[in-house]
Amino acid sequence: MKAKDIQELRGKTDAELKALVLEKRREQFNARMQRGSGQGPKPSAIRETRRDIARLKTILTEKNRSA
């Protein structure tokens, strides 16, 4: 995710952000399953997905605290 993407995410609703977290978790799960079967994706892809989830959760927490 780039900085401009993060700014766009701050404008989304909680429901949209939660849906994005769910989507990223599915990506993470699929990547882990691929890695387990021996055809794993790049390690950087797994790391980026994990960091994207953390970014989304941080934005959700910031919104909840400010409300």
PDB file of N, CA and C in Angstrom:
ATOM      1  N   MET A   1       0.837  -1.175   0.000  1.00  0.00           N
ATOM      2  CA  MET A   1       0.000   0.000   0.000  1.00  0.00           C
ATOM      3  C   MET A   1       0.884   1.240   0.000  1.00  0.00           C
ATOM      4  N   LYS A   2       0.469   2.186  -0.759  1.00  0.00           N
ATOM      5  CA  LYS A   2       1.194   3.444  -0.838  1.00  0.00           C
ATOM      6  C   LYS A   2       0.501   4.485   0.034  1.00  0.00           C
ATOM      7  N   ALA A   3       1.174   5.595   0.252  1.00  0.00           N
ATOM      8  CA  ALA A   3       0.638   6.643   1.124  1.00  0.00           C
ATOM      9  C   ALA A   3      -0.704   7.163   0.618  1.00  0.00           C
ATOM     10  N   LYS A   4      -0.862   7.303  -0.699  1.00  0.00           N
ATOM     11  CA  LYS A   4      -2.141   7.807  -1.217  1.00  0.00           C
ATOM     12  C   LYS A   4      -3.251   6.797  -0.973  1.00  0.00           C
ATOM     13  N   ASP A   5      -2.924   5.509  -0.981  1.00  0.00           N
ATOM     14  CA  ASP A   5      -3.921   4.485  -0.689  1.00  0.00           C
ATOM     15  C   ASP A   5      -4.385   4.580   0.758  1.00  0.00           C
ATOM     16  N   ILE A   6      -3.456   4.865   1.650  1.00  0.00           N
ATOM     17  CA  ILE A   6      -3.795   4.965   3.065  1.00  0.00           C
ATOM     18  C   ILE A   6      -4.728   6.149   3.289  1.00  0.00           C
ATOM     19  N   GLN A   7      -4.487   7.255   2.602  1.00  0.00           N
ATOM     20  CA  GLN A   7      -5.361   8.421   2.731  1.00  0.00           C
ATOM     21  C   GLN A   7      -6.772   8.090   2.245  1.00  0.00           C
ATOM     22  N   GLU A   8      -6.872   7.311   1.186  1.00  0.00           N
ATOM     23  CA  GLU A   8      -8.191   6.903   0.686  1.00  0.00           C
ATOM     24  C   GLU A   8      -8.892   5.992   1.683  1.00  0.00           C
ATOM     25  N   LEU A   9      -8.116   5.130   2.355  1.00  0.00           N
ATOM     26  CA  LEU A   9      -8.705   4.207   3.320  1.00  0.00           C
ATOM     27  C   LEU A   9      -9.300   4.949   4.511  1.00  0.00           C
ATOM     28  N   ARG A  10      -8.700   6.058   4.881  1.00  0.00           N
ATOM     29  CA  ARG A  10      -9.209   6.828   6.022  1.00  0.00           C
ATOM     30  C   ARG A  10     -10.604   7.392   5.731  1.00  0.00           C
ATOM     31  N   GLY A  11     -10.959   7.527   4.475  1.00  0.00           N
ATOM     32  CA  GLY A  11     -12.269   8.039   4.109  1.00  0.00           C
ATOM     33  C   GLY A  11     -13.349   6.974   4.036  1.00  0.00           C
ATOM     34  N   LYS A  12     -12.975   5.729   4.154  1.00  0.00           N
ATOM     35  CA  LYS A  12     -13.959   4.643   4.053  1.00  0.00           C
ATOM     36  C   LYS A  12     -14.653   4.405   5.390  1.00  0.00           C
ATOM     37  N   THR A  13     -15.807   3.750   5.328  1.00  0.00           N
ATOM     38  CA  THR A  13     -16.560   3.443   6.535  1.00  0.00           C
ATOM     39  C   THR A  13     -15.957   2.236   7.235  1.00  0.00           C
ATOM     40  N   ASP A  14     -16.405   2.018   8.465  1.00  0.00           N
ATOM     41  CA  ASP A  14     -15.915   0.882   9.239  1.00  0.00           C
ATOM     42  C   ASP A  14     -16.246  -0.440   8.549  1.00  0.00           C
ATOM     43  N   ALA A  15     -17.442  -0.533   7.994  1.00  0.00           N
ATOM     44  CA  ALA A  15     -17.854  -1.779   7.335  1.00  0.00           C
ATOM     45  C   ALA A  15     -16.970  -2.083   6.121  1.00  0.00           C
ATOM     46  N   GLU A  16     -16.632  -1.047   5.368  1.00  0.00           N
ATOM     47  CA  GLU A  16     -15.766  -1.244   4.203  1.00  0.00           C
ATOM     48  C   GLU A  16     -14.370  -1.675   4.631  1.00  0.00           C
ATOM     49  N   LEU A  17     -13.871  -1.068   5.706  1.00  0.00           N
ATOM     50  CA  LEU A  17     -12.545  -1.438   6.198  1.00  0.00           C
ATOM     51  C   LEU A  17     -12.520  -2.876   6.717  1.00  0.00           C
ATOM     52  N   LYS A  18     -13.577  -3.266   7.405  1.00  0.00           N
ATOM     53  CA  LYS A  18     -13.652  -4.638   7.912  1.00  0.00           C
ATOM     54  C   LYS A  18     -13.705  -5.636   6.758  1.00  0.00           C
ATOM     55  N   ALA A  19     -14.392  -5.273   5.687  1.00  0.00           N
ATOM     56  CA  ALA A  19     -14.447  -6.146   4.511  1.00  0.00           C
ATOM     57  C   ALA A  19     -13.068  -6.271   3.872  1.00  0.00           C
ATOM     58  N   LEU A  20     -12.310  -5.183   3.860  1.00  0.00           N
ATOM     59  CA  LEU A  20     -10.950  -5.230   3.322  1.00  0.00           C
ATOM     60  C   LEU A  20     -10.043  -6.094   4.181  1.00  0.00           C
ATOM     61  N   VAL A  21     -10.215  -6.018   5.506  1.00  0.00           N
ATOM     62  CA  VAL A  21      -9.423  -6.864   6.405  1.00  0.00           C
ATOM     63  C   VAL A  21      -9.732  -8.328   6.124  1.00  0.00           C
ATOM     64  N   LEU A  22     -11.001  -8.643   5.954  1.00  0.00           N
ATOM     65  CA  LEU A  22     -11.396 -10.022   5.669  1.00  0.00           C
ATOM     66  C   LEU A  22     -10.787 -10.503   4.352  1.00  0.00           C
ATOM     67  N   GLU A  23     -10.797  -9.645   3.346  1.00  0.00           N
ATOM     68  CA  GLU A  23     -10.215  -9.993   2.045  1.00  0.00           C
ATOM     69  C   GLU A  23      -8.714 -10.252   2.171  1.00  0.00           C
ATOM     70  N   LYS A  24      -8.035  -9.396   2.910  1.00  0.00           N
ATOM     71  CA  LYS A  24      -6.581  -9.565   3.096  1.00  0.00           C
ATOM     72  C   LYS A  24      -6.276 -10.826   3.896  1.00  0.00           C
ATOM     73  N   ARG A  25      -7.124 -11.153   4.857  1.00  0.00           N
ATOM     74  CA  ARG A  25      -6.917 -12.393   5.619  1.00  0.00           C
ATOM     75  C   ARG A  25      -7.075 -13.619   4.728  1.00  0.00           C
ATOM     76  N   ARG A  26      -8.006 -13.554   3.784  1.00  0.00           N
ATOM     77  CA  ARG A  26      -8.155 -14.663   2.838  1.00  0.00           C
ATOM     78  C   ARG A  26      -6.917 -14.800   1.968  1.00  0.00           C
ATOM     79  N   GLU A  27      -6.372 -13.658   1.525  1.00  0.00           N
ATOM     80  CA  GLU A  27      -5.138 -13.685   0.736  1.00  0.00           C
ATOM     81  C   GLU A  27      -4.008 -14.311   1.544  1.00  0.00           C
ATOM     82  N   GLN A  28      -3.927 -13.921   2.819  1.00  0.00           N
ATOM     83  CA  GLN A  28      -2.885 -14.459   3.680  1.00  0.00           C
ATOM     84  C   GLN A  28      -3.047 -15.968   3.858  1.00  0.00           C
ATOM     85  N   PHE A  29      -4.269 -16.415   4.057  1.00  0.00           N
ATOM     86  CA  PHE A  29      -4.532 -17.842   4.215  1.00  0.00           C
ATOM     87  C   PHE A  29      -4.148 -18.609   2.954  1.00  0.00           C
ATOM     88  N   ASN A  30      -4.553 -18.093   1.795  1.00  0.00           N
ATOM     89  CA  ASN A  30      -4.233 -18.760   0.534  1.00  0.00           C
ATOM     90  C   ASN A  30      -2.727 -18.821   0.308  1.00  0.00           C
ATOM     91  N   ALA A  31      -2.023 -17.772   0.674  1.00  0.00           N
ATOM     92  CA  ALA A  31      -0.572 -17.760   0.525  1.00  0.00           C
ATOM     93  C   ALA A  31       0.074 -18.803   1.435  1.00  0.00           C
ATOM     94  N   ARG A  32      -0.448 -18.923   2.646  1.00  0.00           N
ATOM     95  CA  ARG A  32       0.097 -19.941   3.567  1.00  0.00           C
ATOM     96  C   ARG A  32      -0.164 -21.343   3.050  1.00  0.00           C
ATOM     97  N   MET A  33      -1.337 -21.562   2.479  1.00  0.00           N
ATOM     98  CA  MET A  33      -1.647 -22.885   1.938  1.00  0.00           C
ATOM     99  C   MET A  33      -0.747 -23.205   0.737  1.00  0.00           C
ATOM    100  N   GLN A  34      -0.494 -22.217  -0.102  1.00  0.00           N
ATOM    101  CA  GLN A  34       0.394 -22.426  -1.237  1.00  0.00           C
ATOM    102  C   GLN A  34       1.804 -22.743  -0.759  1.00  0.00           C
ATOM    103  N   ARG A  35       2.242 -22.029   0.255  1.00  0.00           N
ATOM    104  CA  ARG A  35       3.586 -22.273   0.780  1.00  0.00           C
ATOM    105  C   ARG A  35       3.676 -23.677   1.373  1.00  0.00           C
ATOM    106  N   GLY A  36       2.610 -24.123   2.016  1.00  0.00           N
ATOM    107  CA  GLY A  36       2.592 -25.454   2.610  1.00  0.00           C
ATOM    108  C   GLY A  36       2.605 -26.557   1.568  1.00  0.00           C
ATOM    109  N   SER A  37       2.056 -26.282   0.395  1.00  0.00           N
ATOM    110  CA  SER A  37       2.015 -27.301  -0.649  1.00  0.00           C
ATOM    111  C   SER A  37       3.261 -27.275  -1.525  1.00  0.00           C
ATOM    112  N   GLY A  38       4.177 -26.348  -1.244  1.00  0.00           N
ATOM    113  CA  GLY A  38       5.432 -26.334  -1.976  1.00  0.00           C
ATOM    114  C   GLY A  38       5.490 -25.382  -3.146  1.00  0.00           C
ATOM    115  N   GLN A  39       4.402 -24.709  -3.464  1.00  0.00           N
ATOM    116  CA  GLN A  39       4.414 -23.782  -4.594  1.00  0.00           C
ATOM    117  C   GLN A  39       4.270 -22.351  -4.105  1.00  0.00           C
ATOM    118  N   GLY A  40       4.829 -22.086  -2.950  1.00  0.00           N
ATOM    119  CA  GLY A  40       4.621 -20.838  -2.252  1.00  0.00           C
ATOM    120  C   GLY A  40       4.915 -19.572  -3.023  1.00  0.00           C
ATOM    121  N   PRO A  41       4.191 -18.517  -2.667  1.00  0.00           N
ATOM    122  CA  PRO A  41       4.438 -17.205  -3.275  1.00  0.00           C
ATOM    123  C   PRO A  41       5.723 -16.596  -2.721  1.00  0.00           C
ATOM    124  N   LYS A  42       6.051 -15.447  -3.207  1.00  0.00           N
ATOM    125  CA  LYS A  42       7.241 -14.767  -2.715  1.00  0.00           C
ATOM    126  C   LYS A  42       7.071 -14.453  -1.224  1.00  0.00           C
ATOM    127  N   PRO A  43       8.123 -14.590  -0.455  1.00  0.00           N
ATOM    128  CA  PRO A  43       8.019 -14.241   0.971  1.00  0.00           C
ATOM    129  C   PRO A  43       7.625 -12.779   1.173  1.00  0.00           C
ATOM    130  N   SER A  44       8.027 -11.922   0.252  1.00  0.00           N
ATOM    131  CA  SER A  44       7.671 -10.510   0.394  1.00  0.00           C
ATOM    132  C   SER A  44       6.166 -10.301   0.250  1.00  0.00           C
ATOM    133  N   ALA A  45       5.492 -11.139  -0.530  1.00  0.00           N
ATOM    134  CA  ALA A  45       4.043 -11.011  -0.699  1.00  0.00           C
ATOM    135  C   ALA A  45       3.323 -11.339   0.607  1.00  0.00           C
ATOM    136  N   ILE A  46       3.799 -12.345   1.304  1.00  0.00           N
ATOM    137  CA  ILE A  46       3.203 -12.710   2.593  1.00  0.00           C
ATOM    138  C   ILE A  46       3.422 -11.587   3.596  1.00  0.00           C
ATOM    139  N   ARG A  47       4.607 -11.034   3.607  1.00  0.00           N
ATOM    140  CA  ARG A  47       4.947  -9.954   4.531  1.00  0.00           C
ATOM    141  C   ARG A  47       4.096  -8.712   4.249  1.00  0.00           C
ATOM    142  N   GLU A  48       3.937  -8.372   2.984  1.00  0.00           N
ATOM    143  CA  GLU A  48       3.137  -7.200   2.624  1.00  0.00           C
ATOM    144  C   GLU A  48       1.676  -7.379   3.023  1.00  0.00           C
ATOM    145  N   THR A  49       1.148  -8.577   2.837  1.00  0.00           N
ATOM    146  CA  THR A  49      -0.238  -8.832   3.215  1.00  0.00           C
ATOM    147  C   THR A  49      -0.413  -8.660   4.719  1.00  0.00           C
ATOM    148  N   ARG A  50       0.537  -9.182   5.474  1.00  0.00           N
ATOM    149  CA  ARG A  50       0.470  -9.059   6.925  1.00  0.00           C
ATOM    150  C   ARG A  50       0.529  -7.588   7.355  1.00  0.00           C
ATOM    151  N   ARG A  51       1.366  -6.824   6.709  1.00  0.00           N
ATOM    152  CA  ARG A  51       1.493  -5.398   7.037  1.00  0.00           C
ATOM    153  C   ARG A  51       0.251  -4.611   6.612  1.00  0.00           C
ATOM    154  N   ASP A  52      -0.347  -4.998   5.493  1.00  0.00           N
ATOM    155  CA  ASP A  52      -1.580  -4.336   5.054  1.00  0.00           C
ATOM    156  C   ASP A  52      -2.700  -4.551   6.077  1.00  0.00           C
ATOM    157  N   ILE A  53      -2.783  -5.768   6.611  1.00  0.00           N
ATOM    158  CA  ILE A  53      -3.790  -6.063   7.633  1.00  0.00           C
ATOM    159  C   ILE A  53      -3.554  -5.178   8.853  1.00  0.00           C
ATOM    160  N   ALA A  54      -2.310  -5.036   9.247  1.00  0.00           N
ATOM    161  CA  ALA A  54      -1.984  -4.196  10.404  1.00  0.00           C
ATOM    162  C   ALA A  54      -2.354  -2.741  10.137  1.00  0.00           C
ATOM    163  N   ARG A  55      -2.097  -2.264   8.934  1.00  0.00           N
ATOM    164  CA  ARG A  55      -2.455  -0.881   8.594  1.00  0.00           C
ATOM    165  C   ARG A  55      -3.969  -0.667   8.669  1.00  0.00           C
ATOM    166  N   LEU A  56      -4.712  -1.620   8.120  1.00  0.00           N
ATOM    167  CA  LEU A  56      -6.170  -1.505   8.148  1.00  0.00           C
ATOM    168  C   LEU A  56      -6.693  -1.518   9.583  1.00  0.00           C
ATOM    169  N   LYS A  57      -6.147  -2.393  10.412  1.00  0.00           N
ATOM    170  CA  LYS A  57      -6.586  -2.466  11.799  1.00  0.00           C
ATOM    171  C   LYS A  57      -6.234  -1.191  12.556  1.00  0.00           C
ATOM    172  N   THR A  58      -5.096  -0.602  12.241  1.00  0.00           N
ATOM    173  CA  THR A  58      -4.701   0.649  12.880  1.00  0.00           C
ATOM    174  C   THR A  58      -5.682   1.760  12.533  1.00  0.00           C
ATOM    175  N   ILE A  59      -6.070   1.836  11.271  1.00  0.00           N
ATOM    176  CA  ILE A  59      -7.032   2.853  10.853  1.00  0.00           C
ATOM    177  C   ILE A  59      -8.371   2.643  11.546  1.00  0.00           C
ATOM    178  N   LEU A  60      -8.808   1.375  11.664  1.00  0.00           N
ATOM    179  CA  LEU A  60     -10.065   1.085  12.364  1.00  0.00           C
ATOM    180  C   LEU A  60      -9.986   1.527  13.819  1.00  0.00           C
ATOM    181  N   THR A  61      -8.876   1.255  14.474  1.00  0.00           N
ATOM    182  CA  THR A  61      -8.711   1.622  15.873  1.00  0.00           C
ATOM    183  C   THR A  61      -8.712   3.137  16.037  1.00  0.00           C
ATOM    184  N   GLU A  62      -8.041   3.833  15.142  1.00  0.00           N
ATOM    185  CA  GLU A  62      -8.016   5.304  15.200  1.00  0.00           C
ATOM    186  C   GLU A  62      -9.421   5.869  15.058  1.00  0.00           C
ATOM    187  N   LYS A  63     -10.208   5.306  14.143  1.00  0.00           N
ATOM    188  CA  LYS A  63     -11.569   5.793  13.950  1.00  0.00           C
ATOM    189  C   LYS A  63     -12.422   5.537  15.191  1.00  0.00           C
ATOM    190  N   ASN A  64     -12.263   4.360  15.792  1.00  0.00           N
ATOM    191  CA  ASN A  64     -13.069   4.035  16.962  1.00  0.00           C
ATOM    192  C   ASN A  64     -12.707   4.906  18.159  1.00  0.00           C
ATOM    193  N   ARG A  65     -11.443   5.240  18.304  1.00  0.00           N
ATOM    194  CA  ARG A  65     -11.020   6.075  19.432  1.00  0.00           C
ATOM    195  C   ARG A  65     -11.467   7.516  19.256  1.00  0.00           C
ATOM    196  N   SER A  66     -11.500   7.986  18.027  1.00  0.00           N
ATOM    197  CA  SER A  66     -11.892   9.378  17.804  1.00  0.00           C
ATOM    198  C   SER A  66     -13.408   9.581  17.901  1.00  0.00           C
ATOM    199  N   ALA A  67     -14.154   8.498  17.747  1.00  0.00           N
ATOM    200  CA  ALA A  67     -15.616   8.603  17.762  1.00  0.00           C
ATOM    201  C   ALA A  67     -16.195   8.634  19.150  1.00  0.00           C
TER     202      ALA A  67
END
